[in-house]
């Protein structure tokens, strides 16, 4: 398979490239989604666990840990998995 050479200038110098570097207000956006699509899930452990995963993937590790802690407080199905995420400060697919 051929490799593709792409430099940062190929990305940054293109129209609309500034959009790549913009981080939306995740908290506000997530609250809007929760309010609109999942009113019956407010306060559920799964909701907080997934929100933590999203924050982690966006590079906001401290915020992710906060949400995983909230998930743990709400008695998740797999508390060991949530505890592992908090302890290691990263997404864990299977509890150790």
PDB file of N, CA and C in Angstrom:
ATOM      1  N   UNK A   1       0.844  -1.172   0.000  1.00  0.00           N
ATOM      2  CA  UNK A   1       0.000   0.000   0.000  1.00  0.00           C
ATOM      3  C   UNK A   1       0.890   1.235   0.000  1.00  0.00           C
ATOM      4  N   UNK A   2       0.553   2.220  -0.799  1.00  0.00           N
ATOM      5  CA  UNK A   2       1.326   3.460  -0.857  1.00  0.00           C
ATOM      6  C   UNK A   2       1.023   4.326   0.346  1.00  0.00           C
ATOM      7  N   UNK A   3       2.054   5.028   0.831  1.00  0.00           N
ATOM      8  CA  UNK A   3       1.826   5.950   1.934  1.00  0.00           C
ATOM      9  C   UNK A   3       1.437   7.309   1.380  1.00  0.00           C
ATOM     10  N   UNK A   4       0.773   8.071   2.195  1.00  0.00           N
ATOM     11  CA  UNK A   4       0.337   9.408   1.798  1.00  0.00           C
ATOM     12  C   UNK A   4       1.127  10.400   2.622  1.00  0.00           C
ATOM     13  N   UNK A   5       1.816  11.300   1.940  1.00  0.00           N
ATOM     14  CA  UNK A   5       2.572  12.329   2.639  1.00  0.00           C
ATOM     15  C   UNK A   5       1.703  13.569   2.786  1.00  0.00           C
ATOM     16  N   UNK A   6       1.455  13.958   4.018  1.00  0.00           N
ATOM     17  CA  UNK A   6       0.671  15.150   4.305  1.00  0.00           C
ATOM     18  C   UNK A   6       1.429  15.949   5.350  1.00  0.00           C
ATOM     19  N   UNK A   7       1.670  17.193   5.052  1.00  0.00           N
ATOM     20  CA  UNK A   7       2.324  18.043   6.037  1.00  0.00           C
ATOM     21  C   UNK A   7       1.266  18.869   6.760  1.00  0.00           C
ATOM     22  N   UNK A   8       1.641  19.413   7.901  1.00  0.00           N
ATOM     23  CA  UNK A   8       0.716  20.238   8.673  1.00  0.00           C
ATOM     24  C   UNK A   8       0.254  21.431   7.847  1.00  0.00           C
ATOM     25  N   UNK A   9       1.135  21.973   7.012  1.00  0.00           N
ATOM     26  CA  UNK A   9       0.737  23.130   6.197  1.00  0.00           C
ATOM     27  C   UNK A   9      -0.332  22.760   5.177  1.00  0.00           C
ATOM     28  N   UNK A  10      -0.344  21.486   4.741  1.00  0.00           N
ATOM     29  CA  UNK A  10      -1.394  21.040   3.821  1.00  0.00           C
ATOM     30  C   UNK A  10      -2.765  21.132   4.479  1.00  0.00           C
ATOM     31  N   UNK A  11      -2.789  20.946   5.788  1.00  0.00           N
ATOM     32  CA  UNK A  11      -4.055  20.992   6.514  1.00  0.00           C
ATOM     33  C   UNK A  11      -4.371  22.410   6.968  1.00  0.00           C
ATOM     34  N   UNK A  12      -3.410  23.060   7.591  1.00  0.00           N
ATOM     35  CA  UNK A  12      -3.630  24.362   8.205  1.00  0.00           C
ATOM     36  C   UNK A  12      -3.876  25.455   7.175  1.00  0.00           C
ATOM     37  N   UNK A  13      -3.245  25.368   6.015  1.00  0.00           N
ATOM     38  CA  UNK A  13      -3.358  26.416   5.016  1.00  0.00           C
ATOM     39  C   UNK A  13      -4.598  26.302   4.139  1.00  0.00           C
ATOM     40  N   UNK A  14      -5.422  25.322   4.360  1.00  0.00           N
ATOM     41  CA  UNK A  14      -6.620  25.128   3.551  1.00  0.00           C
ATOM     42  C   UNK A  14      -7.784  25.939   4.125  1.00  0.00           C
ATOM     43  N   UNK A  15      -8.692  26.391   3.248  1.00  0.00           N
ATOM     44  CA  UNK A  15      -9.876  27.102   3.741  1.00  0.00           C
ATOM     45  C   UNK A  15     -10.647  26.211   4.709  1.00  0.00           C
ATOM     46  N   UNK A  16     -11.086  26.783   5.797  1.00  0.00           N
ATOM     47  CA  UNK A  16     -11.840  26.051   6.793  1.00  0.00           C
ATOM     48  C   UNK A  16     -10.976  25.313   7.797  1.00  0.00           C
ATOM     49  N   UNK A  17      -9.661  25.395   7.622  1.00  0.00           N
ATOM     50  CA  UNK A  17      -8.761  24.676   8.530  1.00  0.00           C
ATOM     51  C   UNK A  17      -8.847  25.206   9.947  1.00  0.00           C
ATOM     52  N   UNK A  18      -9.220  26.462  10.103  1.00  0.00           N
ATOM     53  CA  UNK A  18      -9.345  27.024  11.447  1.00  0.00           C
ATOM     54  C   UNK A  18     -10.381  26.266  12.269  1.00  0.00           C
ATOM     55  N   UNK A  19     -11.368  25.674  11.596  1.00  0.00           N
ATOM     56  CA  UNK A  19     -12.402  24.932  12.296  1.00  0.00           C
ATOM     57  C   UNK A  19     -11.827  23.722  13.021  1.00  0.00           C
ATOM     58  N   UNK A  20     -10.725  23.165  12.517  1.00  0.00           N
ATOM     59  CA  UNK A  20     -10.106  21.998  13.138  1.00  0.00           C
ATOM     60  C   UNK A  20      -9.625  22.336  14.537  1.00  0.00           C
ATOM     61  N   UNK A  21      -9.122  23.552  14.713  1.00  0.00           N
ATOM     62  CA  UNK A  21      -8.525  23.937  15.983  1.00  0.00           C
ATOM     63  C   UNK A  21      -9.529  24.473  16.992  1.00  0.00           C
ATOM     64  N   UNK A  22     -10.770  24.607  16.605  1.00  0.00           N
ATOM     65  CA  UNK A  22     -11.784  25.140  17.512  1.00  0.00           C
ATOM     66  C   UNK A  22     -12.375  24.001  18.335  1.00  0.00           C
ATOM     67  N   UNK A  23     -12.435  24.188  19.630  1.00  0.00           N
ATOM     68  CA  UNK A  23     -13.053  23.214  20.519  1.00  0.00           C
ATOM     69  C   UNK A  23     -14.386  23.792  20.964  1.00  0.00           C
ATOM     70  N   UNK A  24     -15.474  23.087  20.651  1.00  0.00           N
ATOM     71  CA  UNK A  24     -16.789  23.622  21.053  1.00  0.00           C
ATOM     72  C   UNK A  24     -16.926  23.600  22.560  1.00  0.00           C
ATOM     73  N   UNK A  25     -17.847  24.369  23.049  1.00  0.00           N
ATOM     74  CA  UNK A  25     -18.131  24.353  24.470  1.00  0.00           C
ATOM     75  C   UNK A  25     -18.838  23.036  24.771  1.00  0.00           C
ATOM     76  N   UNK A  26     -18.047  22.034  25.131  1.00  0.00           N
ATOM     77  CA  UNK A  26     -18.572  20.682  25.301  1.00  0.00           C
ATOM     78  C   UNK A  26     -19.633  20.583  26.380  1.00  0.00           C
ATOM     79  N   UNK A  27     -19.445  21.307  27.454  1.00  0.00           N
ATOM     80  CA  UNK A  27     -20.416  21.221  28.546  1.00  0.00           C
ATOM     81  C   UNK A  27     -21.781  21.724  28.095  1.00  0.00           C
ATOM     82  N   UNK A  28     -21.793  22.867  27.452  1.00  0.00           N
ATOM     83  CA  UNK A  28     -23.064  23.436  26.994  1.00  0.00           C
ATOM     84  C   UNK A  28     -23.705  22.530  25.946  1.00  0.00           C
ATOM     85  N   UNK A  29     -22.904  22.070  25.004  1.00  0.00           N
ATOM     86  CA  UNK A  29     -23.424  21.212  23.948  1.00  0.00           C
ATOM     87  C   UNK A  29     -23.967  19.899  24.511  1.00  0.00           C
ATOM     88  N   UNK A  30     -23.232  19.293  25.444  1.00  0.00           N
ATOM     89  CA  UNK A  30     -23.694  18.022  26.005  1.00  0.00           C
ATOM     90  C   UNK A  30     -24.977  18.216  26.814  1.00  0.00           C
ATOM     91  N   UNK A  31     -25.093  19.338  27.529  1.00  0.00           N
ATOM     92  CA  UNK A  31     -26.319  19.611  28.289  1.00  0.00           C
ATOM     93  C   UNK A  31     -27.514  19.741  27.355  1.00  0.00           C
ATOM     94  N   UNK A  32     -27.312  20.399  26.210  1.00  0.00           N
ATOM     95  CA  UNK A  32     -28.401  20.545  25.251  1.00  0.00           C
ATOM     96  C   UNK A  32     -28.842  19.189  24.703  1.00  0.00           C
ATOM     97  N   UNK A  33     -27.883  18.338  24.405  1.00  0.00           N
ATOM     98  CA  UNK A  33     -28.201  17.008  23.888  1.00  0.00           C
ATOM     99  C   UNK A  33     -28.938  16.197  24.942  1.00  0.00           C
ATOM    100  N   UNK A  34     -28.453  16.251  26.168  1.00  0.00           N
ATOM    101  CA  UNK A  34     -29.095  15.504  27.251  1.00  0.00           C
ATOM    102  C   UNK A  34     -30.526  15.974  27.432  1.00  0.00           C
ATOM    103  N   UNK A  35     -30.720  17.281  27.477  1.00  0.00           N
ATOM    104  CA  UNK A  35     -32.067  17.822  27.694  1.00  0.00           C
ATOM    105  C   UNK A  35     -33.012  17.450  26.564  1.00  0.00           C
ATOM    106  N   UNK A  36     -32.499  17.461  25.326  1.00  0.00           N
ATOM    107  CA  UNK A  36     -33.363  17.222  24.173  1.00  0.00           C
ATOM    108  C   UNK A  36     -33.652  15.742  23.953  1.00  0.00           C
ATOM    109  N   UNK A  37     -32.640  14.900  24.072  1.00  0.00           N
ATOM    110  CA  UNK A  37     -32.788  13.515  23.654  1.00  0.00           C
ATOM    111  C   UNK A  37     -32.893  12.487  24.774  1.00  0.00           C
ATOM    112  N   UNK A  38     -32.465  12.811  25.973  1.00  0.00           N
ATOM    113  CA  UNK A  38     -32.453  11.777  27.009  1.00  0.00           C
ATOM    114  C   UNK A  38     -32.969  12.268  28.357  1.00  0.00           C
ATOM    115  N   UNK A  39     -34.130  12.895  28.402  1.00  0.00           N
ATOM    116  CA  UNK A  39     -34.618  13.385  29.691  1.00  0.00           C
ATOM    117  C   UNK A  39     -34.841  12.268  30.703  1.00  0.00           C
ATOM    118  N   UNK A  40     -35.151  11.057  30.227  1.00  0.00           N
ATOM    119  CA  UNK A  40     -35.381   9.953  31.154  1.00  0.00           C
ATOM    120  C   UNK A  40     -34.085   9.364  31.702  1.00  0.00           C
ATOM    121  N   UNK A  41     -32.941   9.712  31.132  1.00  0.00           N
ATOM    122  CA  UNK A  41     -31.660   9.189  31.581  1.00  0.00           C
ATOM    123  C   UNK A  41     -30.909  10.142  32.502  1.00  0.00           C
ATOM    124  N   UNK A  42     -31.468  11.314  32.750  1.00  0.00           N
ATOM    125  CA  UNK A  42     -30.764  12.269  33.599  1.00  0.00           C
ATOM    126  C   UNK A  42     -30.418  11.618  34.930  1.00  0.00           C
ATOM    127  N   UNK A  43     -29.182  11.726  35.285  1.00  0.00           N
ATOM    128  CA  UNK A  43     -28.740  11.162  36.539  1.00  0.00           C
ATOM    129  C   UNK A  43     -28.308   9.711  36.471  1.00  0.00           C
ATOM    130  N   UNK A  44     -28.391   9.084  35.301  1.00  0.00           N
ATOM    131  CA  UNK A  44     -28.012   7.673  35.228  1.00  0.00           C
ATOM    132  C   UNK A  44     -26.493   7.521  35.200  1.00  0.00           C
ATOM    133  N   UNK A  45     -26.022   6.414  35.727  1.00  0.00           N
ATOM    134  CA  UNK A  45     -24.591   6.130  35.750  1.00  0.00           C
ATOM    135  C   UNK A  45     -24.032   6.030  34.335  1.00  0.00           C
ATOM    136  N   UNK A  46     -24.785   5.401  33.442  1.00  0.00           N
ATOM    137  CA  UNK A  46     -24.314   5.245  32.061  1.00  0.00           C
ATOM    138  C   UNK A  46     -24.079   6.588  31.380  1.00  0.00           C
ATOM    139  N   UNK A  47     -24.980   7.518  31.618  1.00  0.00           N
ATOM    140  CA  UNK A  47     -24.857   8.832  31.008  1.00  0.00           C
ATOM    141  C   UNK A  47     -23.563   9.513  31.455  1.00  0.00           C
ATOM    142  N   UNK A  48     -23.298   9.478  32.742  1.00  0.00           N
ATOM    143  CA  UNK A  48     -22.082  10.107  33.258  1.00  0.00           C
ATOM    144  C   UNK A  48     -20.829   9.359  32.805  1.00  0.00           C
ATOM    145  N   UNK A  49     -20.905   8.039  32.736  1.00  0.00           N
ATOM    146  CA  UNK A  49     -19.772   7.245  32.264  1.00  0.00           C
ATOM    147  C   UNK A  49     -19.432   7.604  30.823  1.00  0.00           C
ATOM    148  N   UNK A  50     -20.425   7.652  29.967  1.00  0.00           N
ATOM    149  CA  UNK A  50     -20.189   7.983  28.557  1.00  0.00           C
ATOM    150  C   UNK A  50     -19.708   9.422  28.394  1.00  0.00           C
ATOM    151  N   UNK A  51     -20.253  10.314  29.180  1.00  0.00           N
ATOM    152  CA  UNK A  51     -19.791  11.705  29.123  1.00  0.00           C
ATOM    153  C   UNK A  51     -18.315  11.775  29.511  1.00  0.00           C
ATOM    154  N   UNK A  52     -17.925  11.012  30.518  1.00  0.00           N
ATOM    155  CA  UNK A  52     -16.515  10.958  30.899  1.00  0.00           C
ATOM    156  C   UNK A  52     -15.647  10.458  29.758  1.00  0.00           C
ATOM    157  N   UNK A  53     -16.124   9.441  29.056  1.00  0.00           N
ATOM    158  CA  UNK A  53     -15.374   8.913  27.912  1.00  0.00           C
ATOM    159  C   UNK A  53     -15.212   9.978  26.828  1.00  0.00           C
ATOM    160  N   UNK A  54     -16.257  10.734  26.597  1.00  0.00           N
ATOM    161  CA  UNK A  54     -16.202  11.788  25.579  1.00  0.00           C
ATOM    162  C   UNK A  54     -15.202  12.863  25.984  1.00  0.00           C
ATOM    163  N   UNK A  55     -15.274  13.297  27.231  1.00  0.00           N
ATOM    164  CA  UNK A  55     -14.313  14.300  27.687  1.00  0.00           C
ATOM    165  C   UNK A  55     -12.886  13.778  27.577  1.00  0.00           C
ATOM    166  N   UNK A  56     -12.661  12.504  27.925  1.00  0.00           N
ATOM    167  CA  UNK A  56     -11.328  11.931  27.820  1.00  0.00           C
ATOM    168  C   UNK A  56     -10.838  11.971  26.377  1.00  0.00           C
ATOM    169  N   UNK A  57     -11.684  11.580  25.448  1.00  0.00           N
ATOM    170  CA  UNK A  57     -11.299  11.560  24.028  1.00  0.00           C
ATOM    171  C   UNK A  57     -11.052  12.965  23.482  1.00  0.00           C
ATOM    172  N   UNK A  58     -11.609  13.951  24.140  1.00  0.00           N
ATOM    173  CA  UNK A  58     -11.373  15.340  23.735  1.00  0.00           C
ATOM    174  C   UNK A  58     -10.165  15.944  24.450  1.00  0.00           C
ATOM    175  N   UNK A  59      -9.467  15.128  25.225  1.00  0.00           N
ATOM    176  CA  UNK A  59      -8.266  15.591  25.903  1.00  0.00           C
ATOM    177  C   UNK A  59      -8.505  16.261  27.236  1.00  0.00           C
ATOM    178  N   UNK A  60      -9.721  16.211  27.738  1.00  0.00           N
ATOM    179  CA  UNK A  60     -10.048  16.842  29.011  1.00  0.00           C
ATOM    180  C   UNK A  60     -10.110  15.776  30.110  1.00  0.00           C
ATOM    181  N   UNK A  61      -8.928  15.307  30.511  1.00  0.00           N
ATOM    182  CA  UNK A  61      -8.823  14.185  31.434  1.00  0.00           C
ATOM    183  C   UNK A  61      -9.426  14.509  32.805  1.00  0.00           C
ATOM    184  N   UNK A  62      -9.145  15.674  33.348  1.00  0.00           N
ATOM    185  CA  UNK A  62      -9.694  16.029  34.663  1.00  0.00           C
ATOM    186  C   UNK A  62     -11.214  16.040  34.642  1.00  0.00           C
ATOM    187  N   UNK A  63     -11.774  16.578  33.583  1.00  0.00           N
ATOM    188  CA  UNK A  63     -13.240  16.624  33.455  1.00  0.00           C
ATOM    189  C   UNK A  63     -13.791  15.204  33.312  1.00  0.00           C
ATOM    190  N   UNK A  64     -13.073  14.358  32.574  1.00  0.00           N
ATOM    191  CA  UNK A  64     -13.488  12.965  32.407  1.00  0.00           C
ATOM    192  C   UNK A  64     -13.554  12.266  33.765  1.00  0.00           C
ATOM    193  N   UNK A  65     -12.533  12.460  34.567  1.00  0.00           N
ATOM    194  CA  UNK A  65     -12.492  11.829  35.893  1.00  0.00           C
ATOM    195  C   UNK A  65     -13.660  12.316  36.750  1.00  0.00           C
ATOM    196  N   UNK A  66     -13.993  13.590  36.658  1.00  0.00           N
ATOM    197  CA  UNK A  66     -15.136  14.126  37.413  1.00  0.00           C
ATOM    198  C   UNK A  66     -16.419  13.383  37.037  1.00  0.00           C
ATOM    199  N   UNK A  67     -16.615  13.159  35.749  1.00  0.00           N
ATOM    200  CA  UNK A  67     -17.834  12.494  35.300  1.00  0.00           C
ATOM    201  C   UNK A  67     -17.826  11.013  35.655  1.00  0.00           C
ATOM    202  N   UNK A  68     -16.662  10.372  35.604  1.00  0.00           N
ATOM    203  CA  UNK A  68     -16.596   8.973  36.022  1.00  0.00           C
ATOM    204  C   UNK A  68     -16.897   8.847  37.511  1.00  0.00           C
ATOM    205  N   UNK A  69     -16.447   9.826  38.299  1.00  0.00           N
ATOM    206  CA  UNK A  69     -16.761   9.803  39.731  1.00  0.00           C
ATOM    207  C   UNK A  69     -18.265   9.953  39.948  1.00  0.00           C
ATOM    208  N   UNK A  70     -18.902  10.823  39.172  1.00  0.00           N
ATOM    209  CA  UNK A  70     -20.354  10.975  39.270  1.00  0.00           C
ATOM    210  C   UNK A  70     -21.054   9.676  38.874  1.00  0.00           C
ATOM    211  N   UNK A  71     -20.512   8.995  37.858  1.00  0.00           N
ATOM    212  CA  UNK A  71     -21.090   7.708  37.438  1.00  0.00           C
ATOM    213  C   UNK A  71     -20.986   6.691  38.570  1.00  0.00           C
ATOM    214  N   UNK A  72     -19.855   6.658  39.235  1.00  0.00           N
ATOM    215  CA  UNK A  72     -19.633   5.710  40.328  1.00  0.00           C
ATOM    216  C   UNK A  72     -20.607   5.964  41.482  1.00  0.00           C
ATOM    217  N   UNK A  73     -20.909   7.231  41.745  1.00  0.00           N
ATOM    218  CA  UNK A  73     -21.856   7.589  42.806  1.00  0.00           C
ATOM    219  C   UNK A  73     -23.272   7.099  42.508  1.00  0.00           C
ATOM    220  N   UNK A  74     -23.553   6.855  41.225  1.00  0.00           N
ATOM    221  CA  UNK A  74     -24.906   6.479  40.817  1.00  0.00           C
ATOM    222  C   UNK A  74     -25.058   4.966  40.621  1.00  0.00           C
ATOM    223  N   UNK A  75     -24.192   4.198  41.240  1.00  0.00           N
ATOM    224  CA  UNK A  75     -24.278   2.737  41.256  1.00  0.00           C
ATOM    225  C   UNK A  75     -24.333   2.132  39.841  1.00  0.00           C
ATOM    226  N   UNK A  76     -23.225   2.220  39.103  1.00  0.00           N
ATOM    227  CA  UNK A  76     -23.197   1.651  37.749  1.00  0.00           C
ATOM    228  C   UNK A  76     -23.258   0.123  37.771  1.00  0.00           C
ATOM    229  N   UNK A  77     -23.582  -0.464  36.604  1.00  0.00           N
ATOM    230  CA  UNK A  77     -23.631  -1.920  36.493  1.00  0.00           C
ATOM    231  C   UNK A  77     -22.266  -2.550  36.755  1.00  0.00           C
ATOM    232  N   UNK A  78     -21.203  -1.881  36.325  1.00  0.00           N
ATOM    233  CA  UNK A  78     -19.850  -2.410  36.477  1.00  0.00           C
ATOM    234  C   UNK A  78     -18.982  -1.399  37.227  1.00  0.00           C
ATOM    235  N   UNK A  79     -19.127  -1.330  38.557  1.00  0.00           N
ATOM    236  CA  UNK A  79     -18.381  -0.328  39.319  1.00  0.00           C
ATOM    237  C   UNK A  79     -16.862  -0.511  39.223  1.00  0.00           C
ATOM    238  N   UNK A  80     -16.393  -1.744  39.037  1.00  0.00           N
ATOM    239  CA  UNK A  80     -14.951  -1.981  38.945  1.00  0.00           C
ATOM    240  C   UNK A  80     -14.368  -1.323  37.697  1.00  0.00           C
ATOM    241  N   UNK A  81     -15.135  -1.316  36.619  1.00  0.00           N
ATOM    242  CA  UNK A  81     -14.682  -0.661  35.391  1.00  0.00           C
ATOM    243  C   UNK A  81     -14.545   0.844  35.615  1.00  0.00           C
ATOM    244  N   UNK A  82     -15.516   1.437  36.261  1.00  0.00           N
ATOM    245  CA  UNK A  82     -15.475   2.878  36.530  1.00  0.00           C
ATOM    246  C   UNK A  82     -14.318   3.195  37.476  1.00  0.00           C
ATOM    247  N   UNK A  83     -14.132   2.379  38.489  1.00  0.00           N
ATOM    248  CA  UNK A  83     -13.018   2.590  39.424  1.00  0.00           C
ATOM    249  C   UNK A  83     -11.681   2.520  38.691  1.00  0.00           C
ATOM    250  N   UNK A  84     -11.558   1.610  37.737  1.00  0.00           N
ATOM    251  CA  UNK A  84     -10.313   1.480  36.970  1.00  0.00           C
ATOM    252  C   UNK A  84     -10.076   2.723  36.116  1.00  0.00           C
ATOM    253  N   UNK A  85     -11.132   3.265  35.525  1.00  0.00           N
ATOM    254  CA  UNK A  85     -10.998   4.488  34.726  1.00  0.00           C
ATOM    255  C   UNK A  85     -10.495   5.637  35.593  1.00  0.00           C
ATOM    256  N   UNK A  86     -11.055   5.747  36.785  1.00  0.00           N
ATOM    257  CA  UNK A  86     -10.657   6.822  37.699  1.00  0.00           C
ATOM    258  C   UNK A  86      -9.208   6.624  38.145  1.00  0.00           C
ATOM    259  N   UNK A  87      -8.879   5.414  38.531  1.00  0.00           N
ATOM    260  CA  UNK A  87      -7.538   5.132  39.034  1.00  0.00           C
ATOM    261  C   UNK A  87      -6.458   5.384  37.972  1.00  0.00           C
ATOM    262  N   UNK A  88      -6.711   4.926  36.748  1.00  0.00           N
ATOM    263  CA  UNK A  88      -5.711   5.038  35.685  1.00  0.00           C
ATOM    264  C   UNK A  88      -5.865   6.298  34.833  1.00  0.00           C
ATOM    265  N   UNK A  89      -6.960   7.039  35.100  1.00  0.00           N
ATOM    266  CA  UNK A  89      -7.219   8.301  34.399  1.00  0.00           C
ATOM    267  C   UNK A  89      -7.246   8.111  32.883  1.00  0.00           C
ATOM    268  N   UNK A  90      -7.870   7.012  32.453  1.00  0.00           N
ATOM    269  CA  UNK A  90      -8.016   6.756  31.023  1.00  0.00           C
ATOM    270  C   UNK A  90      -9.150   5.769  30.809  1.00  0.00           C
ATOM    271  N   UNK A  91      -9.563   5.636  29.573  1.00  0.00           N
ATOM    272  CA  UNK A  91     -10.631   4.686  29.236  1.00  0.00           C
ATOM    273  C   UNK A  91     -10.076   3.275  29.357  1.00  0.00           C
ATOM    274  N   UNK A  92     -10.805   2.450  30.054  1.00  0.00           N
ATOM    275  CA  UNK A  92     -10.467   1.047  30.235  1.00  0.00           C
ATOM    276  C   UNK A  92     -11.621   0.259  29.631  1.00  0.00           C
ATOM    277  N   UNK A  93     -11.311  -0.651  28.716  1.00  0.00           N
ATOM    278  CA  UNK A  93     -12.380  -1.413  28.069  1.00  0.00           C
ATOM    279  C   UNK A  93     -12.943  -2.498  28.978  1.00  0.00           C
ATOM    280  N   UNK A  94     -12.074  -3.169  29.725  1.00  0.00           N
ATOM    281  CA  UNK A  94     -12.511  -4.235  30.626  1.00  0.00           C
ATOM    282  C   UNK A  94     -11.858  -4.024  31.979  1.00  0.00           C
ATOM    283  N   UNK A  95     -12.633  -4.161  33.020  1.00  0.00           N
ATOM    284  CA  UNK A  95     -12.076  -3.979  34.374  1.00  0.00           C
ATOM    285  C   UNK A  95     -11.016  -5.033  34.630  1.00  0.00           C
ATOM    286  N   UNK A  96      -9.931  -4.617  35.301  1.00  0.00           N
ATOM    287  CA  UNK A  96      -8.855  -5.579  35.596  1.00  0.00           C
ATOM    288  C   UNK A  96      -9.293  -6.650  36.569  1.00  0.00           C
TER     289      UNK A  96
END
